[in-house]
Every structure is written in structure tokens, then in C-alpha cells.
Amino acid sequence: MKHADAQAVERAPSDRTVFVMHRSFEHCSPKRSSAHAAVTHEHAVVAYYVGGSSCVEQNGRWTLGPGDALLVPAGTPHRVVDLEHAELWGVGFCVPCFAADDPASLLEPFERVRAGASAVVHIPEQRRPFLLRLFEELRDHTSKQNSSAAVDRSLLTLILNEVSQAASWPEDGATNAGVVGESLKVIERRCLGPLTLADVARAVHRSPAYVTTALRRATGKSAVEWIIAGRMAEARRHLLHSDERVDIIAERVGYADPTHFIRIFRREHGQTPAAWRAERRSK
């Protein structure tokens, strides 16, 4: 299926690097005016259906029912065509924030989907209660004001392991992710260090103009915007969950110049990192 330019980019909650949602729908068919408006996420998502049915377009058309998990890599255009008494659990996470230490366990399922593997994994019936408990436990933990990033990561990894174990992907995996998929892979793995558009272009053997145009057409965001999104998400995590100085956080997320980091952060969030931290800690 050929996608038009993505119409909207959805962001995760600004103070969360991993979040859980639980939603139920009676019947919903998108209005004609929005029927062709694909969206993309800055975060990777697993949507796990526990009831009803849904039809989703994402590099093809998928009909999902109880026990189906839909993998949506960050930046992948998708849209819901129809929902019929659907109940689902979803988990979304900032890939760069969790992938720096051990990228394989978190990124592999999404990289396989980008490379052409099925976006839908059917969970065996005997494993469904355990997977549901993981979603519930992660939701309860992330709802706490001072939740632990280590616990978030552990529960997220268990969820993704359940999905990976249930998948019937080829042993050698698909390898044709295309320029967009390969560029996003480079950004997700390297954006917290020194990384420029030129670096991404060299890594995928294309010109900077080609890469950023391809990304914008497919995802609604340029390469530089994807780099900034990953860095800002990780910066917010450190601001919220540590007492590190702003200049230290700037270096951790790829900015050698703290002043430049503060300027970018203010542009993205409407306030300085220090003000953003103070406002959220006062709640």
C-alpha cells in the first residue's frame, strides 16, 4: 500500500518515556474527511487486543481480534479503518531512551516490521493471561509519581519478549527496511550522541537531501526533527527523575553546548529545562 504524506505526528505524554493505555470502543468508523489521514508516532507502540475487532492499515490492511498484537514502529504511518466493540491495551515508549544499553531486545521486533515482517503477532491463548497481567502491572507502576525507569524497562522487555516469542518471523529476518526504516534505525540507536543529518545520510548511503525528504514524506518529520525528538524525550526523563545539572543533561543527550540545548528545549517546550523541571516537581 502506498501512503500519502503523513498528516499528523502524535507525541507521547511529555513527562513519560513509557506509557500504557487501556481503551474500549463500541463501534467507530472514521469520518470520510479523515479516512485517508494516516498518523505517525514519535514512540514505538504495541497494541494488544483483548476483545472485539479492528481493521488497521499499516503497510497493508490488517484485521485484528482477541489475542492479536499490532506492532507500530516509530514513524510508521497507520490509520484505523474500523472498530467494532474493540478493547485493547497499548504500550508506547521512547526508543532512544531505552535502547542505549541493549538495543537488540527492544528494537528487534520493530525493526523486523520495518523490514517487511508481519505487523501482527497472534499470542497463544495460554500466554494471554500473563501478557495482560504485564500490561496491568506496567500501567499501575507508570501511574506512580516516582516510578522507577528500571522497573518500566523490565516490564516493557517482558511484554516485548512475549510478542517476539509468539511471532513466526523467519530465522534470518527480513532485511529490506528501505531508506526510511534504515534512517530511523540509525537515529534511534545514535541520536543521544553526536549525530547530524550528514551522519545519517552516510550511514544509509544517500544524500542528506534525499534522506530528509524521504523521512518527511513518510513520517511527517525530517531527520533533524527525529534526532531532536529522541534527545528531548531523554532530556525530559533526566530532568524529571534526576537532580543532574542542565549542562550535564545536555551532554548526555548529544549537545556539547548547554546554551544550544537550552535554546532547543525552550523552542520545543515553551520554557527552559530548569523551569520545566521546577513546574513538574511542584505538582
Protein backbone atom coordinates (compact mmCIF):
# COMPACT_ATOMS: atom_id res chain seq x y z
CA MET A 1 0.00 0.00 0.00
CA LYS A 2 1.30 3.43 -0.94
CA HIS A 3 0.90 6.10 1.74
CA ALA A 4 0.44 9.79 1.16
CA ASP A 5 2.41 12.21 3.26
CA ALA A 6 1.67 11.64 6.93
CA GLN A 7 -0.91 14.14 8.15
CA ALA A 8 -0.14 14.22 11.86
CA VAL A 9 2.56 13.21 14.30
CA GLU A 10 1.39 12.08 17.74
CA ARG A 11 3.57 12.64 20.78
CA ALA A 12 3.77 10.65 23.96
CA PRO A 13 2.90 12.36 27.26
CA SER A 14 5.69 14.89 27.68
CA ASP A 15 6.88 13.58 31.05
CA ARG A 16 6.74 9.87 30.25
CA THR A 17 9.24 7.72 28.34
CA VAL A 18 6.92 4.71 28.62
CA PHE A 19 3.16 4.83 28.99
CA VAL A 20 0.22 2.41 29.00
CA MET A 21 -3.31 2.89 27.75
CA HIS A 22 -6.47 0.77 28.06
CA ARG A 23 -9.32 1.64 25.71
CA SER A 24 -12.72 0.26 24.75
CA PHE A 25 -14.79 1.17 21.70
CA GLU A 26 -18.38 0.28 20.76
CA HIS A 27 -18.43 0.95 17.03
CA CYS A 28 -16.35 3.51 15.23
CA SER A 29 -15.76 4.13 11.54
CA PRO A 30 -13.60 7.17 10.77
CA LYS A 31 -15.41 10.02 9.03
CA ARG A 32 -14.80 10.27 5.33
CA SER A 33 -12.93 13.55 5.80
CA SER A 34 -10.26 11.84 7.92
CA ALA A 35 -10.39 8.38 6.35
CA HIS A 36 -7.15 8.91 4.43
CA ALA A 37 -5.25 10.76 7.14
CA ALA A 38 -2.51 8.45 8.36
CA VAL A 39 -0.74 9.32 11.60
CA THR A 40 2.73 8.57 12.87
CA HIS A 41 4.06 8.33 16.43
CA GLU A 42 7.31 9.62 17.86
CA HIS A 43 7.23 6.49 20.01
CA ALA A 44 7.07 2.76 19.26
CA VAL A 45 3.76 1.10 20.15
CA VAL A 46 2.37 -2.35 20.84
CA ALA A 47 -1.43 -2.54 20.70
CA TYR A 48 -2.79 -5.75 22.22
CA TYR A 49 -6.42 -6.61 21.51
CA VAL A 50 -8.40 -8.44 24.17
CA GLY A 51 -11.90 -8.08 22.68
CA GLY A 52 -13.88 -7.14 19.60
CA SER A 53 -12.24 -6.42 16.27
CA SER A 54 -10.43 -3.67 14.42
CA CYS A 55 -9.25 -3.01 10.90
CA VAL A 56 -5.98 -1.10 10.60
CA GLU A 57 -3.96 -0.02 7.59
CA GLN A 58 -0.19 -0.15 8.11
CA ASN A 59 1.85 -1.32 5.13
CA GLY A 60 -1.20 -3.38 4.26
CA ARG A 61 -4.62 -3.92 5.78
CA TRP A 62 -4.91 -5.96 8.97
CA THR A 63 -7.98 -7.31 10.76
CA LEU A 64 -7.27 -7.74 14.44
CA GLY A 65 -9.17 -9.67 17.10
CA PRO A 66 -8.65 -11.02 20.62
CA GLY A 67 -5.08 -12.19 21.12
CA ASP A 68 -3.60 -10.10 18.31
CA ALA A 69 -0.74 -7.68 18.97
CA LEU A 70 -0.07 -4.91 16.46
CA LEU A 71 3.49 -3.57 16.31
CA VAL A 72 3.79 0.07 15.22
CA PRO A 73 7.40 1.25 14.85
CA ALA A 74 8.08 4.92 15.49
CA GLY A 75 7.49 6.93 12.35
CA THR A 76 5.34 4.30 10.61
CA PRO A 77 2.16 5.76 9.02
CA HIS A 78 -1.00 3.93 10.02
CA ARG A 79 -4.71 4.53 10.41
CA VAL A 80 -7.73 2.79 11.91
CA VAL A 81 -10.33 1.91 9.30
CA ASP A 82 -12.95 0.37 11.60
CA LEU A 83 -13.51 -0.61 15.23
CA GLU A 84 -16.24 -2.99 16.38
CA HIS A 85 -16.64 -3.44 20.16
CA ALA A 86 -12.87 -3.37 20.38
CA GLU A 87 -10.97 -3.47 23.66
CA LEU A 88 -7.22 -3.06 23.63
CA TRP A 89 -4.19 -2.40 25.76
CA GLY A 90 -1.33 -0.37 24.39
CA VAL A 91 2.19 0.41 25.48
CA GLY A 92 4.28 3.15 23.91
CA PHE A 93 7.87 4.04 24.62
CA CYS A 94 10.65 6.37 23.56
CA VAL A 95 13.03 4.06 21.73
CA PRO A 96 16.29 6.05 22.22
CA CYS A 97 15.56 6.37 25.95
CA PHE A 98 15.50 2.59 26.44
CA ALA A 99 17.70 1.28 23.64
CA ALA A 100 21.10 2.75 24.50
CA ASP A 101 22.21 -0.10 26.79
CA ASP A 102 20.74 -3.12 24.99
CA PRO A 103 19.10 -2.14 21.70
CA ALA A 104 18.53 -5.64 20.36
CA SER A 105 15.88 -6.81 22.84
CA LEU A 106 13.75 -3.68 22.46
CA LEU A 107 14.30 -2.77 18.83
CA GLU A 108 14.37 -6.11 17.02
CA PRO A 109 10.58 -6.66 16.78
CA PHE A 110 10.04 -3.18 15.37
CA GLU A 111 13.00 -3.38 13.01
CA ARG A 112 11.62 -6.64 11.62
CA VAL A 113 8.28 -4.95 10.93
CA ARG A 114 10.02 -2.05 9.22
CA ALA A 115 11.91 -4.56 7.09
CA GLY A 116 8.70 -6.19 5.85
CA ALA A 117 7.74 -8.75 8.52
CA SER A 118 4.12 -9.03 9.60
CA ALA A 119 2.99 -6.19 11.88
CA VAL A 120 0.52 -8.51 13.62
CA VAL A 121 1.51 -11.27 16.05
CA HIS A 122 -1.08 -13.73 17.36
CA ILE A 123 -0.50 -14.52 21.05
CA PRO A 124 -1.18 -18.17 22.03
CA GLU A 125 -4.24 -18.47 24.25
CA GLN A 126 -2.28 -19.93 27.15
CA ARG A 127 0.06 -16.91 27.22
CA ARG A 128 -2.63 -14.22 27.09
CA PRO A 129 -3.41 -14.00 30.83
CA PHE A 130 0.27 -13.48 31.61
CA LEU A 131 0.66 -10.81 28.92
CA LEU A 132 -2.43 -9.00 30.21
CA ARG A 133 -1.02 -9.03 33.75
CA LEU A 134 2.18 -7.45 32.44
CA PHE A 135 0.21 -4.62 30.85
CA GLU A 136 -1.77 -4.10 34.06
CA GLU A 137 1.36 -4.13 36.21
CA LEU A 138 3.14 -1.68 33.92
CA ARG A 139 0.10 0.62 33.95
CA ASP A 140 -0.03 0.55 37.74
CA HIS A 141 3.68 1.24 38.00
CA THR A 142 3.79 4.09 35.48
CA SER A 143 0.87 5.77 37.25
CA LYS A 144 3.04 6.29 40.32
CA GLN A 145 4.58 9.72 40.66
CA ASN A 146 8.09 8.38 41.32
CA SER A 147 8.06 5.27 39.17
CA SER A 148 11.37 3.55 38.51
CA ALA A 149 12.77 3.61 34.97
CA ALA A 150 14.44 0.24 35.67
CA VAL A 151 11.11 -1.38 36.53
CA ASP A 152 9.50 0.26 33.48
CA ARG A 153 12.20 -1.22 31.28
CA SER A 154 11.95 -4.68 32.85
CA LEU A 155 8.18 -4.90 32.36
CA LEU A 156 8.41 -3.45 28.85
CA THR A 157 11.08 -6.02 27.96
CA LEU A 158 8.88 -8.85 29.26
CA ILE A 159 5.97 -7.63 27.11
CA LEU A 160 8.14 -7.44 24.00
CA ASN A 161 9.63 -10.85 24.74
CA GLU A 162 6.13 -12.36 24.87
CA VAL A 163 5.34 -10.82 21.49
CA SER A 164 8.65 -11.95 19.97
CA GLN A 165 8.24 -15.50 21.26
CA ALA A 166 4.79 -15.71 19.67
CA ALA A 167 5.93 -14.34 16.30
CA SER A 168 6.56 -16.60 13.32
CA TRP A 169 9.20 -14.42 11.72
CA PRO A 170 11.89 -16.10 9.55
CA GLU A 171 15.04 -17.06 11.43
CA ASP A 172 17.24 -14.81 9.32
CA GLY A 173 14.75 -11.94 9.42
CA ALA A 174 13.81 -9.56 6.65
CA THR A 175 16.50 -7.09 5.61
CA ASN A 176 14.83 -4.63 3.26
CA ALA A 177 13.83 -1.78 5.56
CA GLY A 178 14.35 0.89 2.90
CA VAL A 179 15.90 4.30 3.37
CA VAL A 180 13.25 5.50 5.82
CA GLY A 181 13.49 2.45 8.07
CA GLU A 182 17.27 2.36 7.99
CA SER A 183 17.49 6.09 8.72
CA LEU A 184 15.17 5.79 11.70
CA LYS A 185 17.18 2.83 12.95
CA VAL A 186 20.38 4.92 12.85
CA ILE A 187 18.68 7.81 14.62
CA GLU A 188 17.15 5.63 17.34
CA ARG A 189 20.49 3.99 18.13
CA ARG A 190 22.75 7.03 17.86
CA CYS A 191 20.77 10.24 18.49
CA LEU A 192 21.94 10.58 22.11
CA GLY A 193 25.49 11.05 20.88
CA PRO A 194 26.99 13.37 18.26
CA LEU A 195 24.76 12.82 15.23
CA THR A 196 23.89 15.03 12.29
CA LEU A 197 21.82 14.67 9.15
CA ALA A 198 25.05 14.15 7.22
CA ASP A 199 25.97 11.25 9.56
CA VAL A 200 22.60 9.59 8.98
CA ALA A 201 22.91 10.06 5.21
CA ARG A 202 26.38 8.48 5.16
CA ALA A 203 25.14 5.52 7.19
CA VAL A 204 22.37 4.75 4.66
CA HIS A 205 24.44 5.68 1.58
CA ARG A 206 22.20 8.50 0.40
CA SER A 207 22.48 12.28 0.17
CA PRO A 208 21.28 14.41 3.11
CA ALA A 209 18.57 15.97 0.94
CA TYR A 210 17.30 12.54 -0.14
CA VAL A 211 17.16 11.22 3.43
CA THR A 212 15.39 14.16 4.98
CA THR A 213 12.89 14.40 2.10
CA ALA A 214 12.12 10.67 2.30
CA LEU A 215 11.61 10.85 6.06
CA ARG A 216 9.37 13.91 5.87
CA ARG A 217 7.19 12.36 3.16
CA ALA A 218 6.84 9.06 5.00
CA THR A 219 6.63 10.22 8.62
CA GLY A 220 5.82 13.93 8.64
CA LYS A 221 9.16 14.77 10.28
CA SER A 222 12.63 15.48 8.92
CA ALA A 223 15.77 13.66 10.03
CA VAL A 224 16.80 16.58 12.24
CA GLU A 225 13.35 16.68 13.83
CA TRP A 226 13.58 12.95 14.63
CA ILE A 227 17.01 13.47 16.20
CA ILE A 228 15.68 16.34 18.32
CA ALA A 229 12.60 14.34 19.36
CA GLY A 230 14.73 11.50 20.71
CA ARG A 231 17.06 13.86 22.52
CA MET A 232 14.23 15.88 24.09
CA ALA A 233 12.47 12.75 25.35
CA GLU A 234 15.64 11.56 27.08
CA ALA A 235 16.30 15.06 28.44
CA ARG A 236 12.81 15.17 29.96
CA ARG A 237 13.45 11.82 31.65
CA HIS A 238 16.63 13.08 33.28
CA LEU A 239 15.05 16.37 34.28
CA LEU A 240 12.15 14.60 35.93
CA HIS A 241 13.94 11.67 37.55
CA SER A 242 17.36 13.04 38.47
CA ASP A 243 18.95 16.08 40.11
CA GLU A 244 21.63 16.43 37.45
CA ARG A 245 22.58 19.90 36.30
CA VAL A 246 21.20 21.09 32.99
CA ASP A 247 24.66 21.21 31.41
CA ILE A 248 25.27 17.56 32.36
CA ILE A 249 21.92 16.53 30.87
CA ALA A 250 22.72 18.48 27.72
CA GLU A 251 25.90 16.44 27.25
CA ARG A 252 24.08 13.17 27.96
CA VAL A 253 21.63 13.80 25.12
CA GLY A 254 24.15 14.85 22.49
CA TYR A 255 24.65 18.60 22.98
CA ALA A 256 28.19 19.77 23.70
CA ASP A 257 26.93 23.35 24.11
CA PRO A 258 24.45 23.72 27.01
CA THR A 259 23.25 27.06 25.64
CA HIS A 260 22.25 25.42 22.37
CA PHE A 261 20.46 22.67 24.29
CA ILE A 262 18.52 25.23 26.36
CA ARG A 263 17.54 27.11 23.20
CA ILE A 264 16.28 23.92 21.51
CA PHE A 265 14.43 22.80 24.63
CA ARG A 266 12.72 26.18 25.02
CA ARG A 267 11.67 26.13 21.39
CA GLU A 268 10.16 22.65 21.76
CA HIS A 269 8.53 23.10 25.18
CA GLY A 270 7.94 26.82 25.62
CA GLN A 271 10.15 27.08 28.69
CA THR A 272 13.71 26.41 29.80
CA PRO A 273 14.75 22.98 31.11
CA ALA A 274 15.05 24.38 34.64
CA ALA A 275 11.58 25.93 34.51
CA TRP A 276 10.08 22.75 33.03
CA ARG A 277 11.62 20.67 35.83
CA ALA A 278 10.51 23.05 38.58
CA GLU A 279 6.93 23.20 37.31
CA ARG A 280 6.51 19.43 37.25
CA ARG A 281 8.18 18.83 40.56
CA SER A 282 5.87 21.35 42.22
CA LYS A 283 2.77 19.34 41.28
